[in-house]
Amino acid sequence: TEGFEGLAGEADYIRINLKKQEATIDSV
């Protein structure tokens, strides 16, 4: 977690389901 402390922007992970063709966005 502390690895993101120095960022002034947003570090993101996106989960893309290729079969359903949908993207899940979990925002912090």
mmCIF file of all heavy atoms, coordinates in Angstrom:
data_MODEL
# 
_entry.id   MODEL 
# 
loop_
_atom_site.group_PDB 
_atom_site.id 
_atom_site.type_symbol 
_atom_site.label_atom_id 
_atom_site.label_alt_id 
_atom_site.label_comp_id 
_atom_site.label_asym_id 
_atom_site.label_entity_id 
_atom_site.label_seq_id 
_atom_site.pdbx_PDB_ins_code 
_atom_site.Cartn_x 
_atom_site.Cartn_y 
_atom_site.Cartn_z 
_atom_site.occupancy 
_atom_site.B_iso_or_equiv 
_atom_site.pdbx_formal_charge 
_atom_site.auth_seq_id 
_atom_site.auth_comp_id 
_atom_site.auth_asym_id 
_atom_site.auth_atom_id 
_atom_site.pdbx_PDB_model_num 
ATOM 1   N N   . THR A 1 1  ? 0.800   -1.215  0.000   1.00 0.00 ? 1  THR A N   1 
ATOM 2   C CA  . THR A 1 1  ? 0.000   0.000   0.000   1.00 0.00 ? 1  THR A CA  1 
ATOM 3   C C   . THR A 1 1  ? 0.836   1.271   0.000   1.00 0.00 ? 1  THR A C   1 
ATOM 4   O O   . THR A 1 1  ? 0.581   2.200   -0.772  1.00 0.00 ? 1  THR A O   1 
ATOM 5   C CB  . THR A 1 1  ? -0.925  0.012   1.228   1.00 0.00 ? 1  THR A CB  1 
ATOM 6   O OG1 . THR A 1 1  ? -1.685  -1.179  1.278   1.00 0.00 ? 1  THR A OG1 1 
ATOM 7   C CG2 . THR A 1 1  ? -1.849  1.217   1.171   1.00 0.00 ? 1  THR A CG2 1 
ATOM 8   N N   . GLU A 1 2  ? 1.829   1.309   0.862   1.00 0.00 ? 2  GLU A N   1 
ATOM 9   C CA  . GLU A 1 2  ? 2.647   2.519   0.956   1.00 0.00 ? 2  GLU A CA  1 
ATOM 10  C C   . GLU A 1 2  ? 3.400   2.799   -0.338  1.00 0.00 ? 2  GLU A C   1 
ATOM 11  O O   . GLU A 1 2  ? 3.963   3.881   -0.507  1.00 0.00 ? 2  GLU A O   1 
ATOM 12  C CB  . GLU A 1 2  ? 3.625   2.426   2.117   1.00 0.00 ? 2  GLU A CB  1 
ATOM 13  C CG  . GLU A 1 2  ? 4.537   1.238   2.065   1.00 0.00 ? 2  GLU A CG  1 
ATOM 14  C CD  . GLU A 1 2  ? 3.965   0.036   2.790   1.00 0.00 ? 2  GLU A CD  1 
ATOM 15  O OE1 . GLU A 1 2  ? 2.742   0.007   3.018   1.00 0.00 ? 2  GLU A OE1 1 
ATOM 16  O OE2 . GLU A 1 2  ? 4.721   -0.865  3.113   1.00 0.00 ? 2  GLU A OE2 1 
ATOM 17  N N   . GLY A 1 3  ? 3.425   1.882   -1.238  1.00 0.00 ? 3  GLY A N   1 
ATOM 18  C CA  . GLY A 1 3  ? 4.088   2.120   -2.505  1.00 0.00 ? 3  GLY A CA  1 
ATOM 19  C C   . GLY A 1 3  ? 3.398   3.151   -3.365  1.00 0.00 ? 3  GLY A C   1 
ATOM 20  O O   . GLY A 1 3  ? 3.984   3.673   -4.317  1.00 0.00 ? 3  GLY A O   1 
ATOM 21  N N   . PHE A 1 4  ? 2.170   3.471   -3.052  1.00 0.00 ? 4  PHE A N   1 
ATOM 22  C CA  . PHE A 1 4  ? 1.426   4.457   -3.796  1.00 0.00 ? 4  PHE A CA  1 
ATOM 23  C C   . PHE A 1 4  ? 1.452   5.840   -3.138  1.00 0.00 ? 4  PHE A C   1 
ATOM 24  O O   . PHE A 1 4  ? 0.838   6.782   -3.642  1.00 0.00 ? 4  PHE A O   1 
ATOM 25  C CB  . PHE A 1 4  ? -0.030  4.013   -3.969  1.00 0.00 ? 4  PHE A CB  1 
ATOM 26  C CG  . PHE A 1 4  ? -0.180  2.743   -4.753  1.00 0.00 ? 4  PHE A CG  1 
ATOM 27  C CD1 . PHE A 1 4  ? -0.452  1.552   -4.120  1.00 0.00 ? 4  PHE A CD1 1 
ATOM 28  C CD2 . PHE A 1 4  ? -0.052  2.748   -6.126  1.00 0.00 ? 4  PHE A CD2 1 
ATOM 29  C CE1 . PHE A 1 4  ? -0.592  0.389   -4.839  1.00 0.00 ? 4  PHE A CE1 1 
ATOM 30  C CE2 . PHE A 1 4  ? -0.200  1.585   -6.847  1.00 0.00 ? 4  PHE A CE2 1 
ATOM 31  C CZ  . PHE A 1 4  ? -0.465  0.393   -6.207  1.00 0.00 ? 4  PHE A CZ  1 
ATOM 32  N N   . GLU A 1 5  ? 2.137   5.998   -2.009  1.00 0.00 ? 5  GLU A N   1 
ATOM 33  C CA  . GLU A 1 5  ? 2.094   7.247   -1.276  1.00 0.00 ? 5  GLU A CA  1 
ATOM 34  C C   . GLU A 1 5  ? 2.679   8.405   -2.054  1.00 0.00 ? 5  GLU A C   1 
ATOM 35  O O   . GLU A 1 5  ? 2.266   9.546   -1.890  1.00 0.00 ? 5  GLU A O   1 
ATOM 36  C CB  . GLU A 1 5  ? 2.828   7.097   0.061   1.00 0.00 ? 5  GLU A CB  1 
ATOM 37  C CG  . GLU A 1 5  ? 2.130   6.155   1.045   1.00 0.00 ? 5  GLU A CG  1 
ATOM 38  C CD  . GLU A 1 5  ? 2.896   5.954   2.321   1.00 0.00 ? 5  GLU A CD  1 
ATOM 39  O OE1 . GLU A 1 5  ? 4.007   6.508   2.423   1.00 0.00 ? 5  GLU A OE1 1 
ATOM 40  O OE2 . GLU A 1 5  ? 2.407   5.247   3.222   1.00 0.00 ? 5  GLU A OE2 1 
ATOM 41  N N   . GLY A 1 6  ? 3.648   8.146   -2.902  1.00 0.00 ? 6  GLY A N   1 
ATOM 42  C CA  . GLY A 1 6  ? 4.324   9.222   -3.605  1.00 0.00 ? 6  GLY A CA  1 
ATOM 43  C C   . GLY A 1 6  ? 3.663   9.661   -4.883  1.00 0.00 ? 6  GLY A C   1 
ATOM 44  O O   . GLY A 1 6  ? 4.188   10.508  -5.592  1.00 0.00 ? 6  GLY A O   1 
ATOM 45  N N   . LEU A 1 7  ? 2.521   9.091   -5.171  1.00 0.00 ? 7  LEU A N   1 
ATOM 46  C CA  . LEU A 1 7  ? 1.840   9.423   -6.409  1.00 0.00 ? 7  LEU A CA  1 
ATOM 47  C C   . LEU A 1 7  ? 0.851   10.551  -6.209  1.00 0.00 ? 7  LEU A C   1 
ATOM 48  O O   . LEU A 1 7  ? 0.070   10.550  -5.269  1.00 0.00 ? 7  LEU A O   1 
ATOM 49  C CB  . LEU A 1 7  ? 1.103   8.200   -6.961  1.00 0.00 ? 7  LEU A CB  1 
ATOM 50  C CG  . LEU A 1 7  ? 1.964   7.021   -7.398  1.00 0.00 ? 7  LEU A CG  1 
ATOM 51  C CD1 . LEU A 1 7  ? 1.077   5.887   -7.872  1.00 0.00 ? 7  LEU A CD1 1 
ATOM 52  C CD2 . LEU A 1 7  ? 2.925   7.440   -8.492  1.00 0.00 ? 7  LEU A CD2 1 
ATOM 53  N N   . ALA A 1 8  ? 0.892   11.537  -7.094  1.00 0.00 ? 8  ALA A N   1 
ATOM 54  C CA  . ALA A 1 8  ? -0.071  12.626  -7.049  1.00 0.00 ? 8  ALA A CA  1 
ATOM 55  C C   . ALA A 1 8  ? -1.203  12.376  -8.021  1.00 0.00 ? 8  ALA A C   1 
ATOM 56  O O   . ALA A 1 8  ? -2.029  13.240  -8.233  1.00 0.00 ? 8  ALA A O   1 
ATOM 57  C CB  . ALA A 1 8  ? 0.621   13.955  -7.370  1.00 0.00 ? 8  ALA A CB  1 
ATOM 58  N N   . GLY A 1 9  ? -1.198  11.247  -8.607  1.00 0.00 ? 9  GLY A N   1 
ATOM 59  C CA  . GLY A 1 9  ? -2.286  10.868  -9.493  1.00 0.00 ? 9  GLY A CA  1 
ATOM 60  C C   . GLY A 1 9  ? -2.976  9.631   -8.970  1.00 0.00 ? 9  GLY A C   1 
ATOM 61  O O   . GLY A 1 9  ? -3.067  9.420   -7.755  1.00 0.00 ? 9  GLY A O   1 
ATOM 62  N N   . GLU A 1 10 ? -3.453  8.775   -9.815  1.00 0.00 ? 10 GLU A N   1 
ATOM 63  C CA  . GLU A 1 10 ? -4.157  7.561   -9.442  1.00 0.00 ? 10 GLU A CA  1 
ATOM 64  C C   . GLU A 1 10 ? -3.496  6.356   -10.084 1.00 0.00 ? 10 GLU A C   1 
ATOM 65  O O   . GLU A 1 10 ? -3.288  6.320   -11.294 1.00 0.00 ? 10 GLU A O   1 
ATOM 66  C CB  . GLU A 1 10 ? -5.624  7.630   -9.865  1.00 0.00 ? 10 GLU A CB  1 
ATOM 67  C CG  . GLU A 1 10 ? -6.399  8.746   -9.209  1.00 0.00 ? 10 GLU A CG  1 
ATOM 68  C CD  . GLU A 1 10 ? -7.782  8.917   -9.780  1.00 0.00 ? 10 GLU A CD  1 
ATOM 69  O OE1 . GLU A 1 10 ? -8.131  8.103   -10.659 1.00 0.00 ? 10 GLU A OE1 1 
ATOM 70  O OE2 . GLU A 1 10 ? -8.506  9.827   -9.368  1.00 0.00 ? 10 GLU A OE2 1 
ATOM 71  N N   . ALA A 1 11 ? -3.122  5.389   -9.271  1.00 0.00 ? 11 ALA A N   1 
ATOM 72  C CA  . ALA A 1 11 ? -2.634  4.113   -9.769  1.00 0.00 ? 11 ALA A CA  1 
ATOM 73  C C   . ALA A 1 11 ? -3.816  3.160   -9.810  1.00 0.00 ? 11 ALA A C   1 
ATOM 74  O O   . ALA A 1 11 ? -4.539  3.016   -8.827  1.00 0.00 ? 11 ALA A O   1 
ATOM 75  C CB  . ALA A 1 11 ? -1.533  3.573   -8.879  1.00 0.00 ? 11 ALA A CB  1 
ATOM 76  N N   . ASP A 1 12 ? -4.036  2.490   -10.941 1.00 0.00 ? 12 ASP A N   1 
ATOM 77  C CA  . ASP A 1 12 ? -5.276  1.764   -11.180 1.00 0.00 ? 12 ASP A CA  1 
ATOM 78  C C   . ASP A 1 12 ? -5.036  0.311   -11.588 1.00 0.00 ? 12 ASP A C   1 
ATOM 79  O O   . ASP A 1 12 ? -4.007  -0.017  -12.175 1.00 0.00 ? 12 ASP A O   1 
ATOM 80  C CB  . ASP A 1 12 ? -6.076  2.428   -12.302 1.00 0.00 ? 12 ASP A CB  1 
ATOM 81  C CG  . ASP A 1 12 ? -6.149  3.932   -12.136 1.00 0.00 ? 12 ASP A CG  1 
ATOM 82  O OD1 . ASP A 1 12 ? -6.409  4.358   -11.016 1.00 0.00 ? 12 ASP A OD1 1 
ATOM 83  O OD2 . ASP A 1 12 ? -5.915  4.638   -13.109 1.00 0.00 ? 12 ASP A OD2 1 
ATOM 84  N N   . TYR A 1 13 ? -6.004  -0.541  -11.264 1.00 0.00 ? 13 TYR A N   1 
ATOM 85  C CA  . TYR A 1 13 ? -6.091  -1.889  -11.796 1.00 0.00 ? 13 TYR A CA  1 
ATOM 86  C C   . TYR A 1 13 ? -7.454  -2.064  -12.448 1.00 0.00 ? 13 TYR A C   1 
ATOM 87  O O   . TYR A 1 13 ? -8.478  -1.730  -11.850 1.00 0.00 ? 13 TYR A O   1 
ATOM 88  C CB  . TYR A 1 13 ? -5.907  -2.951  -10.709 1.00 0.00 ? 13 TYR A CB  1 
ATOM 89  C CG  . TYR A 1 13 ? -4.482  -3.217  -10.336 1.00 0.00 ? 13 TYR A CG  1 
ATOM 90  C CD1 . TYR A 1 13 ? -3.859  -2.452  -9.367  1.00 0.00 ? 13 TYR A CD1 1 
ATOM 91  C CD2 . TYR A 1 13 ? -3.757  -4.211  -10.960 1.00 0.00 ? 13 TYR A CD2 1 
ATOM 92  C CE1 . TYR A 1 13 ? -2.549  -2.682  -9.017  1.00 0.00 ? 13 TYR A CE1 1 
ATOM 93  C CE2 . TYR A 1 13 ? -2.440  -4.459  -10.627 1.00 0.00 ? 13 TYR A CE2 1 
ATOM 94  C CZ  . TYR A 1 13 ? -1.836  -3.691  -9.650  1.00 0.00 ? 13 TYR A CZ  1 
ATOM 95  O OH  . TYR A 1 13 ? -0.526  -3.918  -9.324  1.00 0.00 ? 13 TYR A OH  1 
ATOM 96  N N   . ILE A 1 14 ? -7.457  -2.576  -13.648 1.00 0.00 ? 14 ILE A N   1 
ATOM 97  C CA  . ILE A 1 14 ? -8.696  -2.831  -14.364 1.00 0.00 ? 14 ILE A CA  1 
ATOM 98  C C   . ILE A 1 14 ? -8.798  -4.321  -14.643 1.00 0.00 ? 14 ILE A C   1 
ATOM 99  O O   . ILE A 1 14 ? -7.819  -4.958  -15.025 1.00 0.00 ? 14 ILE A O   1 
ATOM 100 C CB  . ILE A 1 14 ? -8.750  -2.058  -15.697 1.00 0.00 ? 14 ILE A CB  1 
ATOM 101 C CG1 . ILE A 1 14 ? -8.661  -0.562  -15.442 1.00 0.00 ? 14 ILE A CG1 1 
ATOM 102 C CG2 . ILE A 1 14 ? -10.015 -2.374  -16.478 1.00 0.00 ? 14 ILE A CG2 1 
ATOM 103 C CD1 . ILE A 1 14 ? -8.627  0.255   -16.699 1.00 0.00 ? 14 ILE A CD1 1 
ATOM 104 N N   . ARG A 1 15 ? -9.978  -4.883  -14.421 1.00 0.00 ? 15 ARG A N   1 
ATOM 105 C CA  . ARG A 1 15 ? -10.238 -6.272  -14.768 1.00 0.00 ? 15 ARG A CA  1 
ATOM 106 C C   . ARG A 1 15 ? -11.163 -6.296  -15.981 1.00 0.00 ? 15 ARG A C   1 
ATOM 107 O O   . ARG A 1 15 ? -12.303 -5.828  -15.902 1.00 0.00 ? 15 ARG A O   1 
ATOM 108 C CB  . ARG A 1 15 ? -10.864 -7.032  -13.598 1.00 0.00 ? 15 ARG A CB  1 
ATOM 109 C CG  . ARG A 1 15 ? -9.978  -7.123  -12.378 1.00 0.00 ? 15 ARG A CG  1 
ATOM 110 C CD  . ARG A 1 15 ? -10.511 -8.152  -11.396 1.00 0.00 ? 15 ARG A CD  1 
ATOM 111 N NE  . ARG A 1 15 ? -11.866 -7.866  -10.966 1.00 0.00 ? 15 ARG A NE  1 
ATOM 112 C CZ  . ARG A 1 15 ? -12.198 -7.083  -9.952  1.00 0.00 ? 15 ARG A CZ  1 
ATOM 113 N NH1 . ARG A 1 15 ? -11.238 -6.494  -9.272  1.00 0.00 ? 15 ARG A NH1 1 
ATOM 114 N NH2 . ARG A 1 15 ? -13.462 -6.878  -9.627  1.00 0.00 ? 15 ARG A NH2 1 
ATOM 115 N N   . ILE A 1 16 ? -10.671 -6.819  -17.086 1.00 0.00 ? 16 ILE A N   1 
ATOM 116 C CA  . ILE A 1 16 ? -11.444 -6.874  -18.318 1.00 0.00 ? 16 ILE A CA  1 
ATOM 117 C C   . ILE A 1 16 ? -11.852 -8.324  -18.581 1.00 0.00 ? 16 ILE A C   1 
ATOM 118 O O   . ILE A 1 16 ? -11.002 -9.198  -18.756 1.00 0.00 ? 16 ILE A O   1 
ATOM 119 C CB  . ILE A 1 16 ? -10.654 -6.336  -19.520 1.00 0.00 ? 16 ILE A CB  1 
ATOM 120 C CG1 . ILE A 1 16 ? -10.291 -4.858  -19.289 1.00 0.00 ? 16 ILE A CG1 1 
ATOM 121 C CG2 . ILE A 1 16 ? -11.449 -6.483  -20.814 1.00 0.00 ? 16 ILE A CG2 1 
ATOM 122 C CD1 . ILE A 1 16 ? -9.472  -4.249  -20.413 1.00 0.00 ? 16 ILE A CD1 1 
ATOM 123 N N   . ASN A 1 17 ? -13.154 -8.577  -18.586 1.00 0.00 ? 17 ASN A N   1 
ATOM 124 C CA  . ASN A 1 17 ? -13.693 -9.893  -18.918 1.00 0.00 ? 17 ASN A CA  1 
ATOM 125 C C   . ASN A 1 17 ? -13.865 -9.976  -20.432 1.00 0.00 ? 17 ASN A C   1 
ATOM 126 O O   . ASN A 1 17 ? -14.754 -9.346  -21.003 1.00 0.00 ? 17 ASN A O   1 
ATOM 127 C CB  . ASN A 1 17 ? -15.038 -10.121 -18.213 1.00 0.00 ? 17 ASN A CB  1 
ATOM 128 C CG  . ASN A 1 17 ? -15.528 -11.557 -18.319 1.00 0.00 ? 17 ASN A CG  1 
ATOM 129 O OD1 . ASN A 1 17 ? -15.543 -12.128 -19.415 1.00 0.00 ? 17 ASN A OD1 1 
ATOM 130 N ND2 . ASN A 1 17 ? -15.922 -12.127 -17.185 1.00 0.00 ? 17 ASN A ND2 1 
ATOM 131 N N   . LEU A 1 18 ? -12.992 -10.748 -21.087 1.00 0.00 ? 18 LEU A N   1 
ATOM 132 C CA  . LEU A 1 18 ? -12.998 -10.829 -22.544 1.00 0.00 ? 18 LEU A CA  1 
ATOM 133 C C   . LEU A 1 18 ? -14.247 -11.533 -23.071 1.00 0.00 ? 18 LEU A C   1 
ATOM 134 O O   . LEU A 1 18 ? -14.737 -11.206 -24.149 1.00 0.00 ? 18 LEU A O   1 
ATOM 135 C CB  . LEU A 1 18 ? -11.742 -11.547 -23.036 1.00 0.00 ? 18 LEU A CB  1 
ATOM 136 C CG  . LEU A 1 18 ? -10.414 -10.870 -22.677 1.00 0.00 ? 18 LEU A CG  1 
ATOM 137 C CD1 . LEU A 1 18 ? -9.247  -11.731 -23.143 1.00 0.00 ? 18 LEU A CD1 1 
ATOM 138 C CD2 . LEU A 1 18 ? -10.325 -9.485  -23.294 1.00 0.00 ? 18 LEU A CD2 1 
ATOM 139 N N   . LYS A 1 19 ? -14.738 -12.530 -22.330 1.00 0.00 ? 19 LYS A N   1 
ATOM 140 C CA  . LYS A 1 19 ? -15.910 -13.271 -22.775 1.00 0.00 ? 19 LYS A CA  1 
ATOM 141 C C   . LYS A 1 19 ? -17.159 -12.402 -22.736 1.00 0.00 ? 19 LYS A C   1 
ATOM 142 O O   . LYS A 1 19 ? -17.956 -12.372 -23.678 1.00 0.00 ? 19 LYS A O   1 
ATOM 143 C CB  . LYS A 1 19 ? -16.104 -14.521 -21.914 1.00 0.00 ? 19 LYS A CB  1 
ATOM 144 C CG  . LYS A 1 19 ? -17.218 -15.422 -22.379 1.00 0.00 ? 19 LYS A CG  1 
ATOM 145 C CD  . LYS A 1 19 ? -17.276 -16.689 -21.530 1.00 0.00 ? 19 LYS A CD  1 
ATOM 146 C CE  . LYS A 1 19 ? -18.368 -17.638 -22.034 1.00 0.00 ? 19 LYS A CE  1 
ATOM 147 N NZ  . LYS A 1 19 ? -18.407 -18.891 -21.220 1.00 0.00 ? 19 LYS A NZ  1 
ATOM 148 N N   . LYS A 1 20 ? -17.332 -11.670 -21.624 1.00 0.00 ? 20 LYS A N   1 
ATOM 149 C CA  . LYS A 1 20 ? -18.498 -10.805 -21.472 1.00 0.00 ? 20 LYS A CA  1 
ATOM 150 C C   . LYS A 1 20 ? -18.278 -9.440  -22.095 1.00 0.00 ? 20 LYS A C   1 
ATOM 151 O O   . LYS A 1 20 ? -19.220 -8.650  -22.208 1.00 0.00 ? 20 LYS A O   1 
ATOM 152 C CB  . LYS A 1 20 ? -18.851 -10.647 -20.002 1.00 0.00 ? 20 LYS A CB  1 
ATOM 153 C CG  . LYS A 1 20 ? -19.275 -11.935 -19.312 1.00 0.00 ? 20 LYS A CG  1 
ATOM 154 C CD  . LYS A 1 20 ? -19.632 -11.676 -17.853 1.00 0.00 ? 20 LYS A CD  1 
ATOM 155 C CE  . LYS A 1 20 ? -20.083 -12.955 -17.155 1.00 0.00 ? 20 LYS A CE  1 
ATOM 156 N NZ  . LYS A 1 20 ? -20.417 -12.703 -15.728 1.00 0.00 ? 20 LYS A NZ  1 
ATOM 157 N N   . GLN A 1 21 ? -17.005 -9.121  -22.474 1.00 0.00 ? 21 GLN A N   1 
ATOM 158 C CA  . GLN A 1 21 ? -16.666 -7.812  -23.028 1.00 0.00 ? 21 GLN A CA  1 
ATOM 159 C C   . GLN A 1 21 ? -17.090 -6.686  -22.093 1.00 0.00 ? 21 GLN A C   1 
ATOM 160 O O   . GLN A 1 21 ? -17.796 -5.750  -22.476 1.00 0.00 ? 21 GLN A O   1 
ATOM 161 C CB  . GLN A 1 21 ? -17.297 -7.642  -24.410 1.00 0.00 ? 21 GLN A CB  1 
ATOM 162 C CG  . GLN A 1 21 ? -16.593 -8.434  -25.518 1.00 0.00 ? 21 GLN A CG  1 
ATOM 163 C CD  . GLN A 1 21 ? -15.211 -7.896  -25.875 1.00 0.00 ? 21 GLN A CD  1 
ATOM 164 O OE1 . GLN A 1 21 ? -15.078 -6.807  -26.434 1.00 0.00 ? 21 GLN A OE1 1 
ATOM 165 N NE2 . GLN A 1 21 ? -14.193 -8.643  -25.570 1.00 0.00 ? 21 GLN A NE2 1 
ATOM 166 N N   . GLU A 1 22 ? -16.634 -6.800  -20.836 1.00 0.00 ? 22 GLU A N   1 
ATOM 167 C CA  . GLU A 1 22 ? -16.937 -5.779  -19.866 1.00 0.00 ? 22 GLU A CA  1 
ATOM 168 C C   . GLU A 1 22 ? -15.711 -5.519  -18.998 1.00 0.00 ? 22 GLU A C   1 
ATOM 169 O O   . GLU A 1 22 ? -14.857 -6.394  -18.818 1.00 0.00 ? 22 GLU A O   1 
ATOM 170 C CB  . GLU A 1 22 ? -18.145 -6.151  -18.992 1.00 0.00 ? 22 GLU A CB  1 
ATOM 171 C CG  . GLU A 1 22 ? -17.954 -7.369  -18.140 1.00 0.00 ? 22 GLU A CG  1 
ATOM 172 C CD  . GLU A 1 22 ? -19.185 -7.746  -17.339 1.00 0.00 ? 22 GLU A CD  1 
ATOM 173 O OE1 . GLU A 1 22 ? -20.305 -7.408  -17.779 1.00 0.00 ? 22 GLU A OE1 1 
ATOM 174 O OE2 . GLU A 1 22 ? -19.046 -8.395  -16.285 1.00 0.00 ? 22 GLU A OE2 1 
ATOM 175 N N   . ALA A 1 23 ? -15.602 -4.282  -18.484 1.00 0.00 ? 23 ALA A N   1 
ATOM 176 C CA  . ALA A 1 23 ? -14.472 -3.878  -17.653 1.00 0.00 ? 23 ALA A CA  1 
ATOM 177 C C   . ALA A 1 23 ? -14.972 -3.497  -16.262 1.00 0.00 ? 23 ALA A C   1 
ATOM 178 O O   . ALA A 1 23 ? -15.951 -2.757  -16.124 1.00 0.00 ? 23 ALA A O   1 
ATOM 179 C CB  . ALA A 1 23 ? -13.738 -2.702  -18.291 1.00 0.00 ? 23 ALA A CB  1 
ATOM 180 N N   . THR A 1 24 ? -14.319 -4.014  -15.230 1.00 0.00 ? 24 THR A N   1 
ATOM 181 C CA  . THR A 1 24 ? -14.663 -3.703  -13.849 1.00 0.00 ? 24 THR A CA  1 
ATOM 182 C C   . THR A 1 24 ? -13.652 -2.700  -13.305 1.00 0.00 ? 24 THR A C   1 
ATOM 183 O O   . THR A 1 24 ? -12.437 -2.924  -13.362 1.00 0.00 ? 24 THR A O   1 
ATOM 184 C CB  . THR A 1 24 ? -14.663 -4.964  -12.973 1.00 0.00 ? 24 THR A CB  1 
ATOM 185 O OG1 . THR A 1 24 ? -15.599 -5.896  -13.516 1.00 0.00 ? 24 THR A OG1 1 
ATOM 186 C CG2 . THR A 1 24 ? -15.051 -4.637  -11.548 1.00 0.00 ? 24 THR A CG2 1 
ATOM 187 N N   . ILE A 1 25 ? -14.142 -1.603  -12.755 1.00 0.00 ? 25 ILE A N   1 
ATOM 188 C CA  . ILE A 1 25 ? -13.291 -0.540  -12.241 1.00 0.00 ? 25 ILE A CA  1 
ATOM 189 C C   . ILE A 1 25 ? -13.521 -0.416  -10.744 1.00 0.00 ? 25 ILE A C   1 
ATOM 190 O O   . ILE A 1 25 ? -14.606 -0.012  -10.300 1.00 0.00 ? 25 ILE A O   1 
ATOM 191 C CB  . ILE A 1 25 ? -13.582 0.800   -12.936 1.00 0.00 ? 25 ILE A CB  1 
ATOM 192 C CG1 . ILE A 1 25 ? -13.418 0.652   -14.452 1.00 0.00 ? 25 ILE A CG1 1 
ATOM 193 C CG2 . ILE A 1 25 ? -12.682 1.895   -12.405 1.00 0.00 ? 25 ILE A CG2 1 
ATOM 194 C CD1 . ILE A 1 25 ? -13.848 1.873   -15.220 1.00 0.00 ? 25 ILE A CD1 1 
ATOM 195 N N   . ASP A 1 26 ? -12.518 -0.745  -9.925  1.00 0.00 ? 26 ASP A N   1 
ATOM 196 C CA  . ASP A 1 26 ? -12.561 -0.582  -8.475  1.00 0.00 ? 26 ASP A CA  1 
ATOM 197 C C   . ASP A 1 26 ? -11.760 0.666   -8.125  1.00 0.00 ? 26 ASP A C   1 
ATOM 198 O O   . ASP A 1 26 ? -10.542 0.681   -8.327  1.00 0.00 ? 26 ASP A O   1 
ATOM 199 C CB  . ASP A 1 26 ? -11.981 -1.797  -7.758  1.00 0.00 ? 26 ASP A CB  1 
ATOM 200 C CG  . ASP A 1 26 ? -12.699 -3.073  -8.113  1.00 0.00 ? 26 ASP A CG  1 
ATOM 201 O OD1 . ASP A 1 26 ? -13.916 -3.021  -8.289  1.00 0.00 ? 26 ASP A OD1 1 
ATOM 202 O OD2 . ASP A 1 26 ? -12.034 -4.118  -8.220  1.00 0.00 ? 26 ASP A OD2 1 
ATOM 203 N N   . SER A 1 27 ? -12.369 1.709   -7.612  1.00 0.00 ? 27 SER A N   1 
ATOM 204 C CA  . SER A 1 27 ? -11.729 3.007   -7.460  1.00 0.00 ? 27 SER A CA  1 
ATOM 205 C C   . SER A 1 27 ? -11.285 3.282   -6.029  1.00 0.00 ? 27 SER A C   1 
ATOM 206 O O   . SER A 1 27 ? -12.058 3.124   -5.085  1.00 0.00 ? 27 SER A O   1 
ATOM 207 C CB  . SER A 1 27 ? -12.683 4.113   -7.903  1.00 0.00 ? 27 SER A CB  1 
ATOM 208 O OG  . SER A 1 27 ? -13.056 3.924   -9.243  1.00 0.00 ? 27 SER A OG  1 
ATOM 209 N N   . VAL A 1 28 ? -10.015 3.706   -5.856  1.00 0.00 ? 28 VAL A N   1 
ATOM 210 C CA  . VAL A 1 28 ? -9.450  4.136   -4.583  1.00 0.00 ? 28 VAL A CA  1 
ATOM 211 C C   . VAL A 1 28 ? -8.717  5.442   -4.814  1.00 0.00 ? 28 VAL A C   1 
ATOM 212 O O   . VAL A 1 28 ? -7.907  5.531   -5.741  1.00 0.00 ? 28 VAL A O   1 
ATOM 213 C CB  . VAL A 1 28 ? -8.512  3.081   -3.977  1.00 0.00 ? 28 VAL A CB  1 
ATOM 214 C CG1 . VAL A 1 28 ? -7.950  3.564   -2.657  1.00 0.00 ? 28 VAL A CG1 1 
ATOM 215 C CG2 . VAL A 1 28 ? -9.240  1.762   -3.794  1.00 0.00 ? 28 VAL A CG2 1 
# 
